[in-house]
Protein backbone atom coordinates (compact mmCIF):
# COMPACT_ATOMS: atom_id res chain seq x y z
CA UNK A 1 -19.00 -15.55 7.87
CA UNK A 2 -17.15 -18.30 10.05
CA UNK A 3 -13.40 -17.49 9.99
CA UNK A 4 -10.42 -19.38 11.34
CA UNK A 5 -7.61 -16.96 12.47
CA UNK A 6 -4.34 -18.93 12.64
CA UNK A 7 -1.61 -17.11 14.65
CA UNK A 8 2.06 -18.01 14.00
CA UNK A 9 4.83 -17.71 16.36
CA UNK A 10 6.16 -14.28 15.47
CA UNK A 11 6.56 -11.07 17.40
CA UNK A 12 4.16 -9.43 14.93
CA UNK A 13 1.55 -11.74 16.64
CA UNK A 14 0.41 -8.68 18.84
CA UNK A 15 -0.81 -6.96 15.68
CA UNK A 16 -3.16 -9.78 14.97
CA UNK A 17 -5.28 -8.63 17.83
CA UNK A 18 -6.37 -5.66 15.92
CA UNK A 19 -7.03 -7.89 12.81
CA UNK A 20 -9.27 -9.91 15.05
CA UNK A 21 -11.33 -6.97 16.23
CA UNK A 22 -11.73 -5.96 12.68
CA UNK A 23 -13.34 -9.17 11.79
CA UNK A 24 -15.44 -9.39 15.06
CA UNK A 25 -16.63 -5.68 14.77
CA UNK A 26 -17.77 -6.42 11.21
CA UNK A 27 -20.14 -9.15 12.60
CA UNK A 28 -18.14 -12.24 11.68
CA UNK A 29 -17.44 -15.28 13.98
CA UNK A 30 -13.83 -15.93 14.46
CA UNK A 31 -12.10 -18.92 16.07
CA UNK A 32 -8.46 -18.29 16.84
CA UNK A 33 -5.99 -21.16 16.55
CA UNK A 34 -2.58 -20.18 17.79
CA UNK A 35 0.37 -22.11 17.34
CA UNK A 36 2.44 -23.31 20.48
CA UNK A 37 5.16 -20.86 19.70
CA UNK A 38 2.74 -17.96 19.28
CA UNK A 39 1.49 -18.23 22.95
CA UNK A 40 5.02 -16.91 23.82
CA UNK A 41 3.93 -13.65 22.41
CA UNK A 42 0.18 -13.40 22.87
CA UNK A 43 -1.58 -15.54 25.51
CA UNK A 44 -4.69 -17.55 24.88
CA UNK A 45 -6.76 -15.35 27.31
CA UNK A 46 -6.35 -12.49 25.01
CA UNK A 47 -7.62 -14.39 22.04
CA UNK A 48 -10.52 -15.76 24.02
CA UNK A 49 -11.65 -12.35 25.27
CA UNK A 50 -11.37 -10.69 21.88
CA UNK A 51 -13.07 -13.53 19.86
CA UNK A 52 -15.62 -14.82 22.49
CA UNK A 53 -14.64 -18.39 21.64
CA UNK A 54 -12.53 -21.00 23.44
CA UNK A 55 -9.05 -21.14 22.18
CA UNK A 56 -7.02 -24.30 21.69
CA UNK A 57 -3.96 -25.52 19.61
CA UNK A 58 -4.30 -29.30 20.62
CA UNK A 59 -5.70 -31.83 18.23
CA UNK A 60 -6.94 -33.78 21.24
CA UNK A 61 -9.08 -31.01 22.90
CA UNK A 62 -12.64 -31.52 22.37
CA UNK A 63 -12.19 -34.98 20.70
CA UNK A 64 -15.92 -35.52 20.63
CA UNK A 65 -16.16 -32.56 18.32
CA UNK A 66 -13.61 -33.90 16.07
CA UNK A 67 -12.12 -30.43 15.84
CA UNK A 68 -9.20 -31.13 13.54
CA UNK A 69 -11.80 -32.08 10.70
CA UNK A 70 -14.82 -29.94 11.76
CA UNK A 71 -13.03 -26.47 12.07
CA UNK A 72 -11.66 -26.69 8.52
CA UNK A 73 -14.89 -28.01 7.00
CA UNK A 74 -17.08 -25.31 8.55
CA UNK A 75 -14.68 -22.33 7.95
CA UNK A 76 -15.76 -19.94 5.16
CA UNK A 77 -12.26 -18.29 5.32
CA UNK A 78 -9.03 -19.19 7.03
CA UNK A 79 -6.48 -16.46 7.69
CA UNK A 80 -2.88 -17.09 9.10
CA UNK A 81 -0.98 -14.18 10.48
CA UNK A 82 1.71 -13.94 11.18
CA UNK A 83 2.87 -16.69 8.80
CA UNK A 84 6.31 -17.42 9.73
CA UNK A 85 8.96 -19.15 7.52
CA UNK A 86 8.32 -22.39 9.41
CA UNK A 87 4.71 -22.24 9.37
CA UNK A 88 4.75 -21.66 5.66
CA UNK A 89 7.18 -24.66 5.30
CA UNK A 90 4.80 -26.93 7.41
CA UNK A 91 1.73 -25.86 5.28
CA UNK A 92 3.56 -26.39 2.04
CA UNK A 93 4.71 -29.84 3.12
CA UNK A 94 1.29 -30.94 4.14
CA UNK A 95 2.20 -31.29 7.99
CA UNK A 96 -0.51 -32.13 10.36
CA UNK A 97 1.38 -31.82 13.73
CA UNK A 98 -0.91 -29.41 15.55
CA UNK A 99 -4.57 -28.17 15.21
CA UNK A 100 -3.82 -25.43 12.85
CA UNK A 101 -2.00 -27.47 10.32
CA UNK A 102 -4.64 -30.10 10.52
CA UNK A 103 -7.30 -27.43 9.91
CA UNK A 104 -5.31 -26.16 6.96
CA UNK A 105 -5.41 -29.58 5.41
CA UNK A 106 -9.24 -29.70 5.99
CA UNK A 107 -9.85 -26.30 4.52
CA UNK A 108 -12.99 -26.12 2.03
CA UNK A 109 -13.00 -22.27 1.64
CA UNK A 110 -10.33 -19.59 0.78
CA UNK A 111 -7.11 -19.46 2.65
CA UNK A 112 -4.93 -16.40 3.05
CA UNK A 113 -1.44 -16.21 4.62
CA UNK A 114 0.08 -13.03 5.66
CA UNK A 115 3.99 -13.64 6.10
CA UNK A 116 6.10 -12.03 8.57
CA UNK A 117 9.91 -12.74 9.14
CA UNK A 118 13.28 -11.41 8.58
CA UNK A 119 14.22 -10.22 5.07
CA UNK A 120 16.61 -12.98 4.63
CA UNK A 121 14.23 -15.58 5.66
CA UNK A 122 11.68 -14.26 3.16
CA UNK A 123 14.27 -14.23 0.43
CA UNK A 124 15.59 -17.50 1.05
CA UNK A 125 15.04 -20.19 -1.93
CA UNK A 126 13.30 -22.48 0.54
CA UNK A 127 10.70 -20.04 1.61
CA UNK A 128 10.17 -18.76 -1.93
CA UNK A 129 9.63 -22.27 -3.08
CA UNK A 130 7.05 -22.99 -0.22
CA UNK A 131 5.27 -19.82 -1.29
CA UNK A 132 5.11 -20.64 -4.98
CA UNK A 133 3.98 -24.20 -3.81
CA UNK A 134 1.18 -22.66 -1.68
CA UNK A 135 0.11 -20.30 -4.44
CA UNK A 136 0.07 -23.09 -7.11
CA UNK A 137 -2.51 -24.79 -4.88
CA UNK A 138 -4.77 -21.68 -5.00
CA UNK A 139 -3.73 -20.54 -1.60
CA UNK A 140 -3.42 -16.73 -1.25
CA UNK A 141 0.01 -15.47 0.16
CA UNK A 142 0.47 -11.76 0.63
CA UNK A 143 3.78 -9.91 -0.19
CA UNK A 144 5.13 -8.92 3.31
CA UNK A 145 5.33 -5.26 3.94
CA UNK A 146 8.68 -3.14 3.67
CA UNK A 147 10.00 -1.45 6.67
CA UNK A 148 11.59 -1.63 10.26
CA UNK A 149 12.02 -5.12 11.51
CA UNK A 150 12.98 -6.34 14.87
CA UNK A 151 16.09 -4.63 15.95
CA UNK A 152 17.72 -2.22 13.70
CA UNK A 153 17.23 -3.80 10.55
CA UNK A 154 14.69 -2.89 7.81
CA UNK A 155 13.53 -4.55 4.81
CA UNK A 156 10.60 -6.70 3.33
CA UNK A 157 9.42 -8.94 6.01
CA UNK A 158 7.01 -6.86 8.13
CA UNK A 159 3.43 -8.13 8.61
CA UNK A 160 1.09 -6.13 6.53
CA UNK A 161 -1.08 -3.79 8.31
CA UNK A 162 -4.30 -5.33 9.88
CA UNK A 163 -6.45 -3.04 7.83
CA UNK A 164 -4.80 -4.37 4.50
CA UNK A 165 -5.06 -7.96 5.72
CA UNK A 166 -8.71 -7.36 6.52
CA UNK A 167 -9.37 -5.97 3.12
CA UNK A 168 -7.41 -8.55 1.28
CA UNK A 169 -9.39 -11.28 3.02
CA UNK A 170 -12.75 -9.83 2.20
CA UNK A 171 -11.60 -9.37 -1.41
CA UNK A 172 -10.58 -12.98 -1.52
CA UNK A 173 -13.88 -14.32 -0.17
CA UNK A 174 -15.74 -11.93 -2.47
CA UNK A 175 -13.70 -13.06 -5.44
CA UNK A 176 -14.12 -16.59 -4.70
CA UNK A 177 -17.85 -16.29 -4.52
CA UNK A 178 -18.23 -14.32 -7.75
CA UNK A 179 -15.32 -15.56 -10.14
CA UNK A 180 -13.42 -12.43 -9.37
CA UNK A 181 -16.04 -9.86 -10.02
CA UNK A 182 -17.37 -7.25 -7.75
CA UNK A 183 -14.36 -7.06 -5.58
CA UNK A 184 -15.61 -3.63 -4.38
CA UNK A 185 -18.87 -5.05 -3.06
CA UNK A 186 -16.83 -6.03 0.17
CA UNK A 187 -16.54 -2.47 1.34
CA UNK A 188 -12.95 -2.03 0.13
CA UNK A 189 -13.49 1.52 -0.98
CA UNK A 190 -11.94 0.59 -4.44
CA UNK A 191 -8.90 -0.88 -2.72
CA UNK A 192 -9.60 -4.58 -3.92
CA UNK A 193 -8.16 -5.17 -7.40
CA UNK A 194 -4.49 -5.04 -6.90
CA UNK A 195 -4.99 -6.30 -3.45
CA UNK A 196 -7.14 -9.44 -4.54
CA UNK A 197 -4.76 -10.26 -7.32
CA UNK A 198 -1.40 -9.79 -5.62
CA UNK A 199 -2.79 -10.83 -2.20
CA UNK A 200 -4.37 -14.20 -3.44
CA UNK A 201 -1.23 -14.75 -5.49
CA UNK A 202 -3.06 -14.98 -8.66
CA UNK A 203 -1.32 -15.24 -11.84
CA UNK A 204 -3.25 -12.34 -13.00
CA UNK A 205 -0.99 -9.17 -13.59
CA UNK A 206 -3.07 -6.54 -15.10
CA UNK A 207 -0.17 -4.20 -15.89
CA UNK A 208 2.19 -6.94 -16.98
CA UNK A 209 2.71 -5.26 -20.39
CA UNK A 210 2.88 -1.80 -19.19
CA UNK A 211 5.63 0.79 -18.07
CA UNK A 212 4.48 2.96 -15.23
CA UNK A 213 6.45 6.07 -14.32
CA UNK A 214 5.74 7.38 -10.81
CA UNK A 215 7.27 10.51 -9.17
CA UNK A 216 7.53 10.63 -5.47
CA UNK A 217 8.72 12.78 -2.50
CA UNK A 218 9.35 16.27 -2.07
CA UNK A 219 11.51 18.62 -4.11
CA UNK A 220 14.32 20.62 -2.36
CA UNK A 221 15.09 24.18 -3.79
CA UNK A 222 18.69 25.07 -2.68
CA UNK A 223 19.26 28.61 -1.08
CA UNK A 224 22.88 27.99 -0.47
CA UNK A 225 25.17 25.00 0.05
CA UNK A 226 23.44 24.36 3.40
CA UNK A 227 19.84 25.64 3.30
CA UNK A 228 16.85 24.79 1.02
CA UNK A 229 13.14 25.40 0.62
CA UNK A 230 11.30 22.18 1.03
CA UNK A 231 7.97 20.61 2.00
CA UNK A 232 6.59 18.18 4.36
CA UNK A 233 6.17 15.32 1.81
CA UNK A 234 7.72 11.98 3.19
CA UNK A 235 7.24 9.92 -0.10
CA UNK A 236 5.21 7.20 1.58
CA UNK A 237 2.23 7.47 -0.76
CA UNK A 238 4.50 7.42 -3.88
CA UNK A 239 6.56 4.49 -2.63
CA UNK A 240 3.24 2.62 -1.96
CA UNK A 241 2.01 3.37 -5.58
CA UNK A 242 5.46 1.92 -6.84
CA UNK A 243 4.82 -1.35 -4.75
CA UNK A 244 1.45 -1.54 -5.93
CA UNK A 245 2.07 -1.10 -9.65
CA UNK A 246 5.11 -3.46 -9.51
CA UNK A 247 2.93 -6.15 -7.93
CA UNK A 248 0.32 -5.66 -10.73
CA UNK A 249 3.03 -6.62 -13.05
CA UNK A 250 4.25 -3.25 -14.47
CA UNK A 251 7.70 -2.18 -15.49
CA UNK A 252 8.03 0.65 -12.80
CA UNK A 253 10.41 3.70 -13.05
CA UNK A 254 10.26 5.66 -9.66
CA UNK A 255 11.65 9.25 -9.98
CA UNK A 256 12.49 9.95 -6.40
CA UNK A 257 12.94 13.41 -4.77
CA UNK A 258 13.52 13.71 -1.06
CA UNK A 259 12.06 10.65 0.92
CA UNK A 260 11.83 9.70 4.39
CA UNK A 261 11.12 6.02 3.75
CA UNK A 262 13.16 3.21 2.20
CA UNK A 263 13.15 2.72 -1.43
CA UNK A 264 11.22 -0.22 -2.98
CA UNK A 265 12.84 -3.19 -4.39
CA UNK A 266 12.27 -4.44 -8.05
CA UNK A 267 11.80 -1.03 -9.74
CA UNK A 268 14.15 1.33 -11.57
CA UNK A 269 15.26 4.32 -9.44
CA UNK A 270 15.94 7.75 -10.66
CA UNK A 271 17.13 10.31 -7.95
CA UNK A 272 16.42 14.09 -8.26
CA UNK A 273 16.47 16.91 -5.90
CA UNK A 274 14.86 20.17 -7.46
CA UNK A 275 11.88 20.81 -9.44
CA UNK A 276 13.82 21.31 -12.60
CA UNK A 277 15.52 18.08 -12.34
CA UNK A 278 12.41 16.27 -11.76
CA UNK A 279 10.77 17.88 -14.78
CA UNK A 280 13.67 16.81 -16.97
CA UNK A 281 13.60 13.21 -15.82
CA UNK A 282 9.88 13.16 -16.05
CA UNK A 283 9.68 14.31 -19.70
CA UNK A 284 12.50 11.80 -20.77
CA UNK A 285 10.95 8.81 -18.99
CA UNK A 286 7.26 9.59 -20.07
CA UNK A 287 8.21 9.16 -23.72
CA UNK A 288 8.44 5.32 -23.52
CA UNK A 289 5.71 5.01 -20.60
CA UNK A 290 2.14 4.05 -20.67
CA UNK A 291 1.25 5.64 -17.30
CA UNK A 292 2.63 8.56 -15.46
CA UNK A 293 1.65 9.10 -11.94
CA UNK A 294 2.69 12.33 -10.55
CA UNK A 295 2.77 11.85 -6.85
CA UNK A 296 5.75 14.09 -5.92
CA UNK A 297 5.04 17.21 -4.06
CA UNK A 298 6.80 19.87 -6.34
CA UNK A 299 7.75 23.20 -4.92
CA UNK A 300 5.83 25.83 -6.55
CA UNK A 301 8.74 28.48 -6.16
CA UNK A 302 12.41 28.46 -6.03
CA UNK A 303 15.00 31.18 -5.19
CA UNK A 304 15.81 33.04 -8.38
CA UNK A 305 19.66 32.82 -7.18
CA UNK A 306 21.47 30.12 -5.20
CA UNK A 307 24.44 31.46 -3.22
CA UNK A 308 27.69 29.45 -3.75
CA UNK A 309 28.71 29.96 -0.24
CA UNK A 310 26.72 29.90 3.08
CA UNK A 311 24.59 32.98 3.80
CA UNK A 312 26.00 34.34 7.09
CA UNK A 313 24.10 35.90 9.77
CA UNK A 314 25.94 39.03 11.01
CA UNK A 315 24.93 41.80 13.10
CA UNK A 316 26.66 44.35 10.80
CA UNK A 317 24.67 43.28 7.70
CA UNK A 318 20.97 43.54 6.75
CA UNK A 319 18.74 40.54 6.75
CA UNK A 320 18.89 38.67 3.40
CA UNK A 321 16.12 39.22 0.89
CA UNK A 322 15.26 36.02 -0.97
CA UNK A 323 13.50 36.40 -4.27
CA UNK A 324 11.40 33.70 -5.53
CA UNK A 325 10.44 32.77 -9.07
CA UNK A 326 7.86 30.22 -10.09
CA UNK A 327 8.81 26.59 -10.90
CA UNK A 328 7.28 25.19 -14.09
CA UNK A 329 3.99 23.29 -13.96
CA UNK A 330 5.30 19.81 -14.68
CA UNK A 331 2.00 18.12 -14.89
CA UNK A 332 0.39 20.54 -17.22
CA UNK A 333 3.43 20.55 -19.29
CA UNK A 334 3.55 16.86 -19.81
CA UNK A 335 -0.14 16.87 -20.51
CA UNK A 336 0.07 19.57 -23.17
CA UNK A 337 3.14 17.71 -24.69
CA UNK A 338 1.19 14.31 -24.87
CA UNK A 339 -1.85 16.06 -26.53
CA UNK A 340 0.37 17.90 -29.05
CA UNK A 341 2.02 14.88 -30.27
CA UNK A 342 -0.89 12.56 -30.03
CA UNK A 343 0.52 10.48 -27.30
CA UNK A 344 -1.70 7.76 -25.51
CA UNK A 345 -0.12 7.94 -22.12
CA UNK A 346 -2.60 7.89 -19.05
CA UNK A 347 -1.60 10.59 -16.80
CA UNK A 348 -2.50 10.82 -13.10
CA UNK A 349 -2.12 13.86 -10.97
CA UNK A 350 -1.84 14.23 -7.30
CA UNK A 351 -3.22 17.40 -5.41
CA UNK A 352 -3.04 18.30 -1.87
CA UNK A 353 -5.77 20.96 -1.17
CA UNK A 354 -7.56 22.73 1.64
CA UNK A 355 -10.74 24.24 1.75
CA UNK A 356 -11.55 28.06 2.47
CA UNK A 357 -14.37 30.44 2.69
CA UNK A 358 -14.52 30.30 -1.27
CA UNK A 359 -14.89 26.63 -1.74
CA UNK A 360 -14.25 23.11 -0.16
CA UNK A 361 -11.81 20.76 -1.22
CA UNK A 362 -13.68 19.02 -3.94
CA UNK A 363 -14.54 22.39 -5.48
CA UNK A 364 -10.68 23.20 -5.77
CA UNK A 365 -10.00 19.66 -6.94
CA UNK A 366 -12.51 19.83 -9.79
CA UNK A 367 -11.08 23.06 -11.01
CA UNK A 368 -7.56 21.76 -10.90
CA UNK A 369 -8.54 18.70 -12.80
CA UNK A 370 -9.92 20.96 -15.50
CA UNK A 371 -7.03 23.31 -15.53
CA UNK A 372 -4.45 20.52 -15.60
CA UNK A 373 -6.07 18.29 -18.16
CA UNK A 374 -4.89 14.88 -16.63
CA UNK A 375 -7.06 11.80 -16.95
CA UNK A 376 -7.38 11.35 -13.15
CA UNK A 377 -6.63 13.39 -10.23
CA UNK A 378 -6.04 12.12 -6.71
CA UNK A 379 -7.05 14.68 -4.06
CA UNK A 380 -6.40 14.66 -0.35
CA UNK A 381 -7.01 17.31 2.26
CA UNK A 382 -4.01 18.55 4.03
CA UNK A 383 -3.44 20.65 7.12
CA UNK A 384 -4.49 20.10 10.66
CA UNK A 385 -7.04 17.32 11.54
CA UNK A 386 -10.26 18.14 13.67
CA UNK A 387 -8.47 16.74 16.67
CA UNK A 388 -5.18 18.53 15.96
CA UNK A 389 -2.35 16.55 14.31
CA UNK A 390 -1.07 16.58 10.64
CA UNK A 391 -3.22 15.22 7.96
CA UNK A 392 -1.65 13.15 5.15
CA UNK A 393 1.94 14.35 5.31
CA UNK A 394 4.23 11.94 7.05
CA UNK A 395 1.14 9.83 8.26
CA UNK A 396 0.73 6.18 7.56
CA UNK A 397 -2.79 6.38 6.57
CA UNK A 398 -4.50 8.65 3.93
CA UNK A 399 -8.01 9.61 2.63
CA UNK A 400 -8.47 10.61 -0.88
CA UNK A 401 -10.86 11.30 -3.66
CA UNK A 402 -10.02 9.88 -7.19
CA UNK A 403 -11.59 12.34 -9.86
CA UNK A 404 -12.00 11.18 -13.43
CA UNK A 405 -11.83 13.58 -16.40
CA UNK A 406 -14.92 11.72 -17.74
CA UNK A 407 -16.95 13.24 -15.15
CA UNK A 408 -17.98 9.98 -13.25
CA UNK A 409 -18.66 10.08 -9.60
CA UNK A 410 -15.47 10.66 -7.38
CA UNK A 411 -14.13 7.46 -5.81
CA UNK A 412 -13.37 7.69 -2.23
CA UNK A 413 -10.43 5.48 -0.95
CA UNK A 414 -9.13 5.48 2.69
CA UNK A 415 -7.04 3.27 4.82
CA UNK A 416 -3.28 2.61 5.05
CA UNK A 417 -1.30 4.53 2.42
CA UNK A 418 -0.78 0.96 0.62
CA UNK A 419 -4.50 0.40 0.60
CA UNK A 420 -5.00 3.97 -1.06
CA UNK A 421 -2.22 2.95 -3.46
CA UNK A 422 -3.97 -0.18 -4.38
CA UNK A 423 -7.25 1.62 -5.13
CA UNK A 424 -5.32 4.16 -7.35
CA UNK A 425 -3.80 1.20 -9.33
CA UNK A 426 -7.07 -0.45 -9.54
CA UNK A 427 -8.73 2.69 -11.03
CA UNK A 428 -5.88 2.96 -13.47
CA UNK A 429 -6.36 -0.64 -14.68
CA UNK A 430 -9.99 -0.06 -15.15
CA UNK A 431 -9.46 3.21 -17.06
CA UNK A 432 -6.91 1.35 -19.44
CA UNK A 433 -9.47 -1.53 -19.92
CA UNK A 434 -12.09 1.14 -20.64
CA UNK A 435 -9.83 2.53 -23.34
């Protein structure tokens, strides 16, 4: 496939080198067209070395080849990253003042913009109007990621991860060539539907009539006013699921325990701390929900007694003995209640598993799916990876198996946690459609 990779003048331009490698290592021919401003961040030599092609941003270079016409005509796909507020404005306005904007005007294939800018710039009515204009013309515009920006600020405006842009680009091309069918044939490991719909700025919102309740983060069980029992969950996967469900059109309720990441925008937030608080909030919220996704890491045990004052460490007293009691199985409880009252909610469980001498992760996952009775179970392996380092907890990437109670082959999804979230939401959409 012949790809034009336009690079805008933002600090996130350095990340686009990784995107370029993903394209070239997949066998695609990529021509990079940087804006003049972007060369302040990454020089032409880098793009030439990584792409294997001459780099120019001047309409009058290689005039004999009529580049400002030829490049857009011949491209199977144009990807622009980072798409700055200025570049989005020029594209929406039909400007043709450099080689990239000329090429965009000549595009015959799909076009994908991956925005990156400060939150206020993204939220500004002018930028939103420009995005709406581009989308109305069939151009795909990704939602920016949420997180740390330049300096100390955080919020929506980060460039999506290169792997997510790569997956969205391939899904866009595949969708354009098959009228939206077969999104997984582009090697997306199931991460295509929410990606292709939201990433392409499509009007399709497959969950637009649905209410989705998601639990996220780790519960904290207090020992005294200072100490607690907790776990290593950061809440990243749950937040990614909330973003995916929201972008698929759902009304999202996020029941948030302890989190180490920023809360998403555009969803209802219910804060909880303990497993019992999460149980009560979940049982209340599911009554009006269509889908429940139990992504929170719920403590299996809690202290049978919480001290009202800090437990003191003294040489003249014995070490404290802490007795633990079981927390309720929230997932099994909501499944049993749904079945008892004849409810129709789709319930998705999450399981963090390790293998041992008695079985591997998949063995334990299948047993848990049967025991819990949920419709789908998303399973990941936790603990130390083969090269050391923590798997899953606190990481930006994930690898999961999605098991279906109907006995179909488990679906593997891997990549960034947002890509995994997209895969889970796609599986939910397909499950709802099958009903």
